[in-house]
Amino acid sequence: MARLSITNARCEALFVSGLQRSDHPTVEQVHYAIVQTVRRLGIRGCAARMAQEFGDNPEAAAVRMRWVRQVVAQSLGLPPSAIDVPQPRVLVGSAARLVGSAAR
């Protein structure tokens, strides 16, 4: 199971947010998108949606995650290599039900 971290949660939230690479987002827009997505879905909901996307579209998800890692690192003033790649976690309980309900 992946180690939980605030940085990974940020990556997961940005990954499932509506923010796109073509938006050329500012640091403020990145932070806003992360906060709003976590408020809307919760941390587990973000993880569940990210896991579903990796299952449904692994190639596109990998490309998006590379961009997300770069953007989150820049917003934190870190090099992209400083951020571990969030791996879809094994979900139990209510988070697993979220994945199932999202697939319907």
PDB file of N, CA and C in Angstrom:
ATOM      1  N   MET A   1       0.849  -1.171   0.000  1.00  0.00           N
ATOM      2  CA  MET A   1       0.000   0.000   0.000  1.00  0.00           C
ATOM      3  C   MET A   1       0.895   1.234   0.000  1.00  0.00           C
ATOM      4  N   ALA A   2       0.520   2.245  -0.756  1.00  0.00           N
ATOM      5  CA  ALA A   2       1.304   3.476  -0.843  1.00  0.00           C
ATOM      6  C   ALA A   2       1.260   4.249   0.464  1.00  0.00           C
ATOM      7  N   ARG A   3       2.356   4.928   0.741  1.00  0.00           N
ATOM      8  CA  ARG A   3       2.428   5.775   1.916  1.00  0.00           C
ATOM      9  C   ARG A   3       1.568   7.015   1.684  1.00  0.00           C
ATOM     10  N   LEU A   4       0.753   7.351   2.653  1.00  0.00           N
ATOM     11  CA  LEU A   4      -0.080   8.532   2.540  1.00  0.00           C
ATOM     12  C   LEU A   4       0.765   9.768   2.800  1.00  0.00           C
ATOM     13  N   SER A   5       0.595  10.784   2.015  1.00  0.00           N
ATOM     14  CA  SER A   5       1.286  12.042   2.246  1.00  0.00           C
ATOM     15  C   SER A   5       0.438  13.181   1.709  1.00  0.00           C
ATOM     16  N   ILE A   6       0.696  14.343   2.240  1.00  0.00           N
ATOM     17  CA  ILE A   6      -0.034  15.527   1.774  1.00  0.00           C
ATOM     18  C   ILE A   6       0.287  15.799   0.315  1.00  0.00           C
ATOM     19  N   THR A   7       1.534  15.610  -0.061  1.00  0.00           N
ATOM     20  CA  THR A   7       1.924  15.858  -1.456  1.00  0.00           C
ATOM     21  C   THR A   7       1.224  14.891  -2.394  1.00  0.00           C
ATOM     22  N   ASN A   8       1.148  13.616  -2.012  1.00  0.00           N
ATOM     23  CA  ASN A   8       0.426  12.651  -2.848  1.00  0.00           C
ATOM     24  C   ASN A   8      -1.051  13.016  -2.943  1.00  0.00           C
ATOM     25  N   ALA A   9      -1.639  13.450  -1.837  1.00  0.00           N
ATOM     26  CA  ALA A   9      -3.048  13.866  -1.857  1.00  0.00           C
ATOM     27  C   ALA A   9      -3.235  15.060  -2.782  1.00  0.00           C
ATOM     28  N   ARG A  10      -2.289  15.979  -2.775  1.00  0.00           N
ATOM     29  CA  ARG A  10      -2.359  17.123  -3.700  1.00  0.00           C
ATOM     30  C   ARG A  10      -2.318  16.645  -5.147  1.00  0.00           C
ATOM     31  N   CYS A  11      -1.407  15.724  -5.429  1.00  0.00           N
ATOM     32  CA  CYS A  11      -1.301  15.193  -6.795  1.00  0.00           C
ATOM     33  C   CYS A  11      -2.592  14.506  -7.216  1.00  0.00           C
ATOM     34  N   GLU A  12      -3.151  13.700  -6.333  1.00  0.00           N
ATOM     35  CA  GLU A  12      -4.394  12.999  -6.656  1.00  0.00           C
ATOM     36  C   GLU A  12      -5.527  13.985  -6.907  1.00  0.00           C
ATOM     37  N   ALA A  13      -5.622  15.019  -6.073  1.00  0.00           N
ATOM     38  CA  ALA A  13      -6.688  16.011  -6.238  1.00  0.00           C
ATOM     39  C   ALA A  13      -6.526  16.781  -7.541  1.00  0.00           C
ATOM     40  N   LEU A  14      -5.305  17.203  -7.857  1.00  0.00           N
ATOM     41  CA  LEU A  14      -5.094  17.922  -9.111  1.00  0.00           C
ATOM     42  C   LEU A  14      -5.358  17.010 -10.299  1.00  0.00           C
ATOM     43  N   PHE A  15      -4.972  15.744 -10.177  1.00  0.00           N
ATOM     44  CA  PHE A  15      -5.186  14.772 -11.245  1.00  0.00           C
ATOM     45  C   PHE A  15      -6.661  14.688 -11.620  1.00  0.00           C
ATOM     46  N   VAL A  16      -7.539  14.650 -10.627  1.00  0.00           N
ATOM     47  CA  VAL A  16      -8.974  14.483 -10.913  1.00  0.00           C
ATOM     48  C   VAL A  16      -9.716  15.804 -11.042  1.00  0.00           C
ATOM     49  N   SER A  17      -9.005  16.915 -10.872  1.00  0.00           N
ATOM     50  CA  SER A  17      -9.652  18.225 -11.031  1.00  0.00           C
ATOM     51  C   SER A  17      -9.896  18.498 -12.513  1.00  0.00           C
ATOM     52  N   GLY A  18     -10.590  19.563 -12.772  1.00  0.00           N
ATOM     53  CA  GLY A  18     -10.856  19.953 -14.153  1.00  0.00           C
ATOM     54  C   GLY A  18      -9.739  20.757 -14.788  1.00  0.00           C
ATOM     55  N   LEU A  19      -8.707  21.076 -14.025  1.00  0.00           N
ATOM     56  CA  LEU A  19      -7.602  21.880 -14.546  1.00  0.00           C
ATOM     57  C   LEU A  19      -6.846  21.096 -15.610  1.00  0.00           C
ATOM     58  N   GLN A  20      -6.532  21.737 -16.707  1.00  0.00           N
ATOM     59  CA  GLN A  20      -5.868  21.083 -17.831  1.00  0.00           C
ATOM     60  C   GLN A  20      -4.522  21.740 -18.122  1.00  0.00           C
ATOM     61  N   ARG A  21      -3.637  20.968 -18.713  1.00  0.00           N
ATOM     62  CA  ARG A  21      -2.323  21.479 -19.123  1.00  0.00           C
ATOM     63  C   ARG A  21      -2.486  22.696 -20.039  1.00  0.00           C
ATOM     64  N   SER A  22      -3.441  22.651 -20.933  1.00  0.00           N
ATOM     65  CA  SER A  22      -3.653  23.746 -21.886  1.00  0.00           C
ATOM     66  C   SER A  22      -4.103  25.037 -21.207  1.00  0.00           C
ATOM     67  N   ASP A  23      -4.525  24.950 -19.932  1.00  0.00           N
ATOM     68  CA  ASP A  23      -4.910  26.146 -19.178  1.00  0.00           C
ATOM     69  C   ASP A  23      -3.693  26.963 -18.765  1.00  0.00           C
ATOM     70  N   HIS A  24      -2.495  26.351 -18.804  1.00  0.00           N
ATOM     71  CA  HIS A  24      -1.268  27.002 -18.329  1.00  0.00           C
ATOM     72  C   HIS A  24      -1.525  27.652 -16.973  1.00  0.00           C
ATOM     73  N   PRO A  25      -1.899  26.829 -15.982  1.00  0.00           N
ATOM     74  CA  PRO A  25      -2.350  27.374 -14.696  1.00  0.00           C
ATOM     75  C   PRO A  25      -1.247  28.068 -13.902  1.00  0.00           C
ATOM     76  N   THR A  26      -1.648  29.083 -13.174  1.00  0.00           N
ATOM     77  CA  THR A  26      -0.759  29.754 -12.242  1.00  0.00           C
ATOM     78  C   THR A  26      -0.709  28.936 -10.952  1.00  0.00           C
ATOM     79  N   VAL A  27       0.222  29.273 -10.077  1.00  0.00           N
ATOM     80  CA  VAL A  27       0.316  28.594  -8.785  1.00  0.00           C
ATOM     81  C   VAL A  27      -0.992  28.759  -8.018  1.00  0.00           C
ATOM     82  N   GLU A  28      -1.577  29.933  -8.080  1.00  0.00           N
ATOM     83  CA  GLU A  28      -2.840  30.182  -7.381  1.00  0.00           C
ATOM     84  C   GLU A  28      -3.959  29.311  -7.938  1.00  0.00           C
ATOM     85  N   GLN A  29      -4.018  29.153  -9.246  1.00  0.00           N
ATOM     86  CA  GLN A  29      -5.045  28.309  -9.858  1.00  0.00           C
ATOM     87  C   GLN A  29      -4.852  26.843  -9.468  1.00  0.00           C
ATOM     88  N   VAL A  30      -3.606  26.408  -9.384  1.00  0.00           N
ATOM     89  CA  VAL A  30      -3.316  25.030  -8.977  1.00  0.00           C
ATOM     90  C   VAL A  30      -3.796  24.804  -7.550  1.00  0.00           C
ATOM     91  N   HIS A  31      -3.431  25.708  -6.642  1.00  0.00           N
ATOM     92  CA  HIS A  31      -3.857  25.562  -5.251  1.00  0.00           C
ATOM     93  C   HIS A  31      -5.379  25.594  -5.133  1.00  0.00           C
ATOM     94  N   TYR A  32      -6.019  26.484  -5.866  1.00  0.00           N
ATOM     95  CA  TYR A  32      -7.483  26.587  -5.822  1.00  0.00           C
ATOM     96  C   TYR A  32      -8.126  25.293  -6.329  1.00  0.00           C
ATOM     97  N   ALA A  33      -7.618  24.762  -7.430  1.00  0.00           N
ATOM     98  CA  ALA A  33      -8.175  23.519  -7.987  1.00  0.00           C
ATOM     99  C   ALA A  33      -8.027  22.367  -7.001  1.00  0.00           C
ATOM    100  N   ILE A  34      -6.893  22.292  -6.335  1.00  0.00           N
ATOM    101  CA  ILE A  34      -6.664  21.225  -5.362  1.00  0.00           C
ATOM    102  C   ILE A  34      -7.639  21.355  -4.200  1.00  0.00           C
ATOM    103  N   VAL A  35      -7.745  22.549  -3.637  1.00  0.00           N
ATOM    104  CA  VAL A  35      -8.629  22.769  -2.487  1.00  0.00           C
ATOM    105  C   VAL A  35     -10.079  22.461  -2.852  1.00  0.00           C
ATOM    106  N   GLN A  36     -10.522  22.956  -3.986  1.00  0.00           N
ATOM    107  CA  GLN A  36     -11.917  22.744  -4.379  1.00  0.00           C
ATOM    108  C   GLN A  36     -12.218  21.274  -4.665  1.00  0.00           C
ATOM    109  N   THR A  37     -11.271  20.577  -5.260  1.00  0.00           N
ATOM    110  CA  THR A  37     -11.490  19.162  -5.564  1.00  0.00           C
ATOM    111  C   THR A  37     -11.545  18.333  -4.291  1.00  0.00           C
ATOM    112  N   VAL A  38     -10.660  18.626  -3.336  1.00  0.00           N
ATOM    113  CA  VAL A  38     -10.689  17.901  -2.062  1.00  0.00           C
ATOM    114  C   VAL A  38     -11.981  18.203  -1.320  1.00  0.00           C
ATOM    115  N   ARG A  39     -12.432  19.439  -1.340  1.00  0.00           N
ATOM    116  CA  ARG A  39     -13.707  19.784  -0.683  1.00  0.00           C
ATOM    117  C   ARG A  39     -14.867  19.030  -1.315  1.00  0.00           C
ATOM    118  N   ARG A  40     -14.833  18.895  -2.626  1.00  0.00           N
ATOM    119  CA  ARG A  40     -15.942  18.257  -3.346  1.00  0.00           C
ATOM    120  C   ARG A  40     -15.930  16.742  -3.206  1.00  0.00           C
ATOM    121  N   LEU A  41     -14.750  16.131  -3.327  1.00  0.00           N
ATOM    122  CA  LEU A  41     -14.670  14.667  -3.367  1.00  0.00           C
ATOM    123  C   LEU A  41     -14.098  14.033  -2.106  1.00  0.00           C
ATOM    124  N   GLY A  42     -13.360  14.797  -1.322  1.00  0.00           N
ATOM    125  CA  GLY A  42     -12.629  14.228  -0.197  1.00  0.00           C
ATOM    126  C   GLY A  42     -11.347  13.571  -0.693  1.00  0.00           C
ATOM    127  N   ILE A  43     -10.450  13.309   0.229  1.00  0.00           N
ATOM    128  CA  ILE A  43      -9.165  12.717  -0.154  1.00  0.00           C
ATOM    129  C   ILE A  43      -9.365  11.319  -0.736  1.00  0.00           C
ATOM    130  N   ARG A  44     -10.206  10.518  -0.100  1.00  0.00           N
ATOM    131  CA  ARG A  44     -10.440   9.162  -0.603  1.00  0.00           C
ATOM    132  C   ARG A  44     -11.170   9.173  -1.942  1.00  0.00           C
ATOM    133  N   GLY A  45     -12.061  10.119  -2.121  1.00  0.00           N
ATOM    134  CA  GLY A  45     -12.757  10.225  -3.396  1.00  0.00           C
ATOM    135  C   GLY A  45     -11.801  10.565  -4.527  1.00  0.00           C
ATOM    136  N   CYS A  46     -10.831  11.426  -4.242  1.00  0.00           N
ATOM    137  CA  CYS A  46      -9.808  11.764  -5.245  1.00  0.00           C
ATOM    138  C   CYS A  46      -8.997  10.518  -5.598  1.00  0.00           C
ATOM    139  N   ALA A  47      -8.588   9.774  -4.570  1.00  0.00           N
ATOM    140  CA  ALA A  47      -7.807   8.554  -4.799  1.00  0.00           C
ATOM    141  C   ALA A  47      -8.612   7.536  -5.604  1.00  0.00           C
ATOM    142  N   ALA A  48      -9.883   7.414  -5.288  1.00  0.00           N
ATOM    143  CA  ALA A  48     -10.738   6.459  -5.991  1.00  0.00           C
ATOM    144  C   ALA A  48     -10.886   6.826  -7.465  1.00  0.00           C
ATOM    145  N   ARG A  49     -11.111   8.094  -7.730  1.00  0.00           N
ATOM    146  CA  ARG A  49     -11.262   8.520  -9.135  1.00  0.00           C
ATOM    147  C   ARG A  49      -9.962   8.379  -9.905  1.00  0.00           C
ATOM    148  N   MET A  50      -8.842   8.687  -9.246  1.00  0.00           N
ATOM    149  CA  MET A  50      -7.554   8.525  -9.905  1.00  0.00           C
ATOM    150  C   MET A  50      -7.322   7.052 -10.242  1.00  0.00           C
ATOM    151  N   ALA A  51      -7.596   6.170  -9.300  1.00  0.00           N
ATOM    152  CA  ALA A  51      -7.420   4.736  -9.526  1.00  0.00           C
ATOM    153  C   ALA A  51      -8.288   4.258 -10.683  1.00  0.00           C
ATOM    154  N   GLN A  52      -9.507   4.748 -10.732  1.00  0.00           N
ATOM    155  CA  GLN A  52     -10.406   4.359 -11.817  1.00  0.00           C
ATOM    156  C   GLN A  52      -9.854   4.821 -13.162  1.00  0.00           C
ATOM    157  N   GLU A  53      -9.329   6.031 -13.216  1.00  0.00           N
ATOM    158  CA  GLU A  53      -8.779   6.560 -14.462  1.00  0.00           C
ATOM    159  C   GLU A  53      -7.569   5.750 -14.916  1.00  0.00           C
ATOM    160  N   PHE A  54      -6.703   5.366 -13.958  1.00  0.00           N
ATOM    161  CA  PHE A  54      -5.560   4.528 -14.316  1.00  0.00           C
ATOM    162  C   PHE A  54      -6.021   3.172 -14.831  1.00  0.00           C
ATOM    163  N   GLY A  55      -7.121   2.657 -14.297  1.00  0.00           N
ATOM    164  CA  GLY A  55      -7.657   1.388 -14.778  1.00  0.00           C
ATOM    165  C   GLY A  55      -8.281   1.505 -16.148  1.00  0.00           C
ATOM    166  N   ASP A  56      -8.997   2.607 -16.382  1.00  0.00           N
ATOM    167  CA  ASP A  56      -9.706   2.793 -17.654  1.00  0.00           C
ATOM    168  C   ASP A  56      -8.799   3.258 -18.785  1.00  0.00           C
ATOM    169  N   ASN A  57      -7.884   4.163 -18.494  1.00  0.00           N
ATOM    170  CA  ASN A  57      -7.039   4.793 -19.521  1.00  0.00           C
ATOM    171  C   ASN A  57      -5.607   4.926 -19.012  1.00  0.00           C
ATOM    172  N   PRO A  58      -4.888   3.828 -18.862  1.00  0.00           N
ATOM    173  CA  PRO A  58      -3.574   3.898 -18.227  1.00  0.00           C
ATOM    174  C   PRO A  58      -2.561   4.788 -18.946  1.00  0.00           C
ATOM    175  N   GLU A  59      -2.563   4.780 -20.276  1.00  0.00           N
ATOM    176  CA  GLU A  59      -1.585   5.597 -20.998  1.00  0.00           C
ATOM    177  C   GLU A  59      -1.863   7.082 -20.800  1.00  0.00           C
ATOM    178  N   ALA A  60      -3.103   7.483 -20.962  1.00  0.00           N
ATOM    179  CA  ALA A  60      -3.464   8.896 -20.781  1.00  0.00           C
ATOM    180  C   ALA A  60      -3.270   9.319 -19.330  1.00  0.00           C
ATOM    181  N   ALA A  61      -3.591   8.423 -18.405  1.00  0.00           N
ATOM    182  CA  ALA A  61      -3.430   8.741 -16.981  1.00  0.00           C
ATOM    183  C   ALA A  61      -1.960   8.950 -16.640  1.00  0.00           C
ATOM    184  N   ALA A  62      -1.087   8.155 -17.211  1.00  0.00           N
ATOM    185  CA  ALA A  62       0.344   8.298 -16.945  1.00  0.00           C
ATOM    186  C   ALA A  62       0.862   9.644 -17.449  1.00  0.00           C
ATOM    187  N   VAL A  63       0.404  10.054 -18.632  1.00  0.00           N
ATOM    188  CA  VAL A  63       0.804  11.351 -19.180  1.00  0.00           C
ATOM    189  C   VAL A  63       0.301  12.474 -18.276  1.00  0.00           C
ATOM    190  N   ARG A  64      -0.950  12.381 -17.848  1.00  0.00           N
ATOM    191  CA  ARG A  64      -1.510  13.414 -16.975  1.00  0.00           C
ATOM    192  C   ARG A  64      -0.765  13.451 -15.638  1.00  0.00           C
ATOM    193  N   MET A  65      -0.426  12.279 -15.085  1.00  0.00           N
ATOM    194  CA  MET A  65       0.259  12.257 -13.801  1.00  0.00           C
ATOM    195  C   MET A  65       1.644  12.871 -13.898  1.00  0.00           C
ATOM    196  N   ARG A  66       2.336  12.677 -15.011  1.00  0.00           N
ATOM    197  CA  ARG A  66       3.641  13.335 -15.166  1.00  0.00           C
ATOM    198  C   ARG A  66       3.473  14.844 -15.121  1.00  0.00           C
ATOM    199  N   TRP A  67       2.465  15.352 -15.815  1.00  0.00           N
ATOM    200  CA  TRP A  67       2.190  16.788 -15.787  1.00  0.00           C
ATOM    201  C   TRP A  67       1.820  17.240 -14.379  1.00  0.00           C
ATOM    202  N   VAL A  68       0.955  16.490 -13.707  1.00  0.00           N
ATOM    203  CA  VAL A  68       0.523  16.829 -12.348  1.00  0.00           C
ATOM    204  C   VAL A  68       1.721  16.905 -11.412  1.00  0.00           C
ATOM    205  N   ARG A  69       2.613  15.912 -11.469  1.00  0.00           N
ATOM    206  CA  ARG A  69       3.800  15.917 -10.606  1.00  0.00           C
ATOM    207  C   ARG A  69       4.638  17.162 -10.847  1.00  0.00           C
ATOM    208  N   GLN A  70       4.805  17.523 -12.105  1.00  0.00           N
ATOM    209  CA  GLN A  70       5.598  18.705 -12.445  1.00  0.00           C
ATOM    210  C   GLN A  70       4.948  19.972 -11.889  1.00  0.00           C
ATOM    211  N   VAL A  71       3.657  20.112 -12.081  1.00  0.00           N
ATOM    212  CA  VAL A  71       2.937  21.304 -11.637  1.00  0.00           C
ATOM    213  C   VAL A  71       2.921  21.406 -10.113  1.00  0.00           C
ATOM    214  N   VAL A  72       2.653  20.301  -9.434  1.00  0.00           N
ATOM    215  CA  VAL A  72       2.633  20.321  -7.967  1.00  0.00           C
ATOM    216  C   VAL A  72       4.024  20.640  -7.433  1.00  0.00           C
ATOM    217  N   ALA A  73       5.051  20.044  -8.008  1.00  0.00           N
ATOM    218  CA  ALA A  73       6.414  20.331  -7.568  1.00  0.00           C
ATOM    219  C   ALA A  73       6.736  21.811  -7.747  1.00  0.00           C
ATOM    220  N   GLN A  74       6.408  22.363  -8.904  1.00  0.00           N
ATOM    221  CA  GLN A  74       6.662  23.783  -9.149  1.00  0.00           C
ATOM    222  C   GLN A  74       5.905  24.655  -8.163  1.00  0.00           C
ATOM    223  N   SER A  75       4.666  24.285  -7.859  1.00  0.00           N
ATOM    224  CA  SER A  75       3.866  25.096  -6.940  1.00  0.00           C
ATOM    225  C   SER A  75       4.427  25.056  -5.524  1.00  0.00           C
ATOM    226  N   LEU A  76       5.185  24.012  -5.198  1.00  0.00           N
ATOM    227  CA  LEU A  76       5.803  23.878  -3.877  1.00  0.00           C
ATOM    228  C   LEU A  76       7.266  24.318  -3.885  1.00  0.00           C
ATOM    229  N   GLY A  77       7.764  24.738  -5.053  1.00  0.00           N
ATOM    230  CA  GLY A  77       9.156  25.160  -5.163  1.00  0.00           C
ATOM    231  C   GLY A  77      10.139  24.006  -5.123  1.00  0.00           C
ATOM    232  N   LEU A  78       9.720  22.828  -5.602  1.00  0.00           N
ATOM    233  CA  LEU A  78      10.555  21.629  -5.587  1.00  0.00           C
ATOM    234  C   LEU A  78      10.860  21.176  -7.007  1.00  0.00           C
ATOM    235  N   PRO A  79      11.941  20.420  -7.190  1.00  0.00           N
ATOM    236  CA  PRO A  79      12.157  19.809  -8.509  1.00  0.00           C
ATOM    237  C   PRO A  79      11.156  18.669  -8.704  1.00  0.00           C
ATOM    238  N   PRO A  80      10.719  18.407  -9.932  1.00  0.00           N
ATOM    239  CA  PRO A  80       9.737  17.345 -10.172  1.00  0.00           C
ATOM    240  C   PRO A  80      10.167  15.990  -9.629  1.00  0.00           C
ATOM    241  N   SER A  81      11.453  15.722  -9.618  1.00  0.00           N
ATOM    242  CA  SER A  81      11.929  14.426  -9.129  1.00  0.00           C
ATOM    243  C   SER A  81      11.744  14.272  -7.623  1.00  0.00           C
ATOM    244  N   ALA A  82      11.447  15.354  -6.915  1.00  0.00           N
ATOM    245  CA  ALA A  82      11.275  15.296  -5.461  1.00  0.00           C
ATOM    246  C   ALA A  82       9.931  14.699  -5.061  1.00  0.00           C
ATOM    247  N   ILE A  83       9.021  14.572  -6.001  1.00  0.00           N
ATOM    248  CA  ILE A  83       7.685  14.070  -5.690  1.00  0.00           C
ATOM    249  C   ILE A  83       7.564  12.633  -6.157  1.00  0.00           C
ATOM    250  N   ASP A  84       7.243  11.745  -5.223  1.00  0.00           N
ATOM    251  CA  ASP A  84       6.989  10.348  -5.553  1.00  0.00           C
ATOM    252  C   ASP A  84       5.726  10.259  -6.387  1.00  0.00           C
ATOM    253  N   VAL A  85       5.681   9.282  -7.256  1.00  0.00           N
ATOM    254  CA  VAL A  85       4.481   9.072  -8.056  1.00  0.00           C
ATOM    255  C   VAL A  85       3.422   8.402  -7.189  1.00  0.00           C
ATOM    256  N   PRO A  86       2.265   9.063  -7.006  1.00  0.00           N
ATOM    257  CA  PRO A  86       1.201   8.397  -6.246  1.00  0.00           C
ATOM    258  C   PRO A  86       0.729   7.166  -7.002  1.00  0.00           C
ATOM    259  N   GLN A  87       0.659   6.069  -6.315  1.00  0.00           N
ATOM    260  CA  GLN A  87       0.149   4.834  -6.896  1.00  0.00           C
ATOM    261  C   GLN A  87      -1.279   4.646  -6.425  1.00  0.00           C
ATOM    262  N   PRO A  88      -2.157   4.151  -7.290  1.00  0.00           N
ATOM    263  CA  PRO A  88      -3.514   3.871  -6.824  1.00  0.00           C
ATOM    264  C   PRO A  88      -3.445   2.940  -5.613  1.00  0.00           C
ATOM    265  N   ARG A  89      -4.131   3.322  -4.551  1.00  0.00           N
ATOM    266  CA  ARG A  89      -4.090   2.561  -3.306  1.00  0.00           C
ATOM    267  C   ARG A  89      -5.150   1.473  -3.306  1.00  0.00           C
ATOM    268  N   VAL A  90      -4.906   0.466  -2.502  1.00  0.00           N
ATOM    269  CA  VAL A  90      -5.924  -0.551  -2.252  1.00  0.00           C
ATOM    270  C   VAL A  90      -6.967   0.106  -1.376  1.00  0.00           C
ATOM    271  N   LEU A  91      -8.192   0.128  -1.826  1.00  0.00           N
ATOM    272  CA  LEU A  91      -9.238   0.838  -1.121  1.00  0.00           C
ATOM    273  C   LEU A  91     -10.132  -0.139  -0.380  1.00  0.00           C
ATOM    274  N   VAL A  92     -10.480   0.225   0.831  1.00  0.00           N
ATOM    275  CA  VAL A  92     -11.373  -0.609   1.626  1.00  0.00           C
ATOM    276  C   VAL A  92     -12.541   0.234   2.094  1.00  0.00           C
ATOM    277  N   GLY A  93     -13.595  -0.438   2.469  1.00  0.00           N
ATOM    278  CA  GLY A  93     -14.741   0.249   3.056  1.00  0.00           C
ATOM    279  C   GLY A  93     -15.417   1.204   2.102  1.00  0.00           C
ATOM    280  N   SER A  94     -15.708   2.408   2.614  1.00  0.00           N
ATOM    281  CA  SER A  94     -16.486   3.383   1.845  1.00  0.00           C
ATOM    282  C   SER A  94     -15.765   3.831   0.583  1.00  0.00           C
ATOM    283  N   ALA A  95     -14.426   3.891   0.604  1.00  0.00           N
ATOM    284  CA  ALA A  95     -13.699   4.300  -0.594  1.00  0.00           C
ATOM    285  C   ALA A  95     -13.862   3.270  -1.703  1.00  0.00           C
ATOM    286  N   ALA A  96     -13.872   1.991  -1.360  1.00  0.00           N
ATOM    287  CA  ALA A  96     -14.083   0.949  -2.364  1.00  0.00           C
ATOM    288  C   ALA A  96     -15.479   1.072  -2.968  1.00  0.00           C
ATOM    289  N   ARG A  97     -16.467   1.416  -2.138  1.00  0.00           N
ATOM    290  CA  ARG A  97     -17.827   1.619  -2.663  1.00  0.00           C
ATOM    291  C   ARG A  97     -17.857   2.818  -3.603  1.00  0.00           C
ATOM    292  N   LEU A  98     -17.047   3.853  -3.328  1.00  0.00           N
ATOM    293  CA  LEU A  98     -16.979   5.006  -4.231  1.00  0.00           C
ATOM    294  C   LEU A  98     -16.505   4.595  -5.613  1.00  0.00           C
ATOM    295  N   VAL A  99     -15.482   3.743  -5.654  1.00  0.00           N
ATOM    296  CA  VAL A  99     -14.977   3.273  -6.936  1.00  0.00           C
ATOM    297  C   VAL A  99     -16.067   2.517  -7.679  1.00  0.00           C
ATOM    298  N   GLY A 100     -16.758   1.638  -6.974  1.00  0.00           N
ATOM    299  CA  GLY A 100     -17.840   0.870  -7.598  1.00  0.00           C
ATOM    300  C   GLY A 100     -18.965   1.747  -8.090  1.00  0.00           C
ATOM    301  N   SER A 101     -19.359   2.741  -7.293  1.00  0.00           N
ATOM    302  CA  SER A 101     -20.464   3.609  -7.699  1.00  0.00           C
ATOM    303  C   SER A 101     -20.043   4.537  -8.832  1.00  0.00           C
ATOM    304  N   ALA A 102     -18.772   4.939  -8.864  1.00  0.00           N
ATOM    305  CA  ALA A 102     -18.291   5.803  -9.943  1.00  0.00           C
ATOM    306  C   ALA A 102     -18.244   5.063 -11.257  1.00  0.00           C
ATOM    307  N   ALA A 103     -18.078   3.750 -11.213  1.00  0.00           N
ATOM    308  CA  ALA A 103     -17.995   2.958 -12.438  1.00  0.00           C
ATOM    309  C   ALA A 103     -19.356   2.712 -13.062  1.00  0.00           C
ATOM    310  N   ARG A 104     -20.404   2.938 -12.302  1.00  0.00           N
ATOM    311  CA  ARG A 104     -21.756   2.677 -12.832  1.00  0.00           C
ATOM    312  C   ARG A 104     -22.260   3.756 -13.707  1.00  0.00           C
TER     313      ARG A 104
END
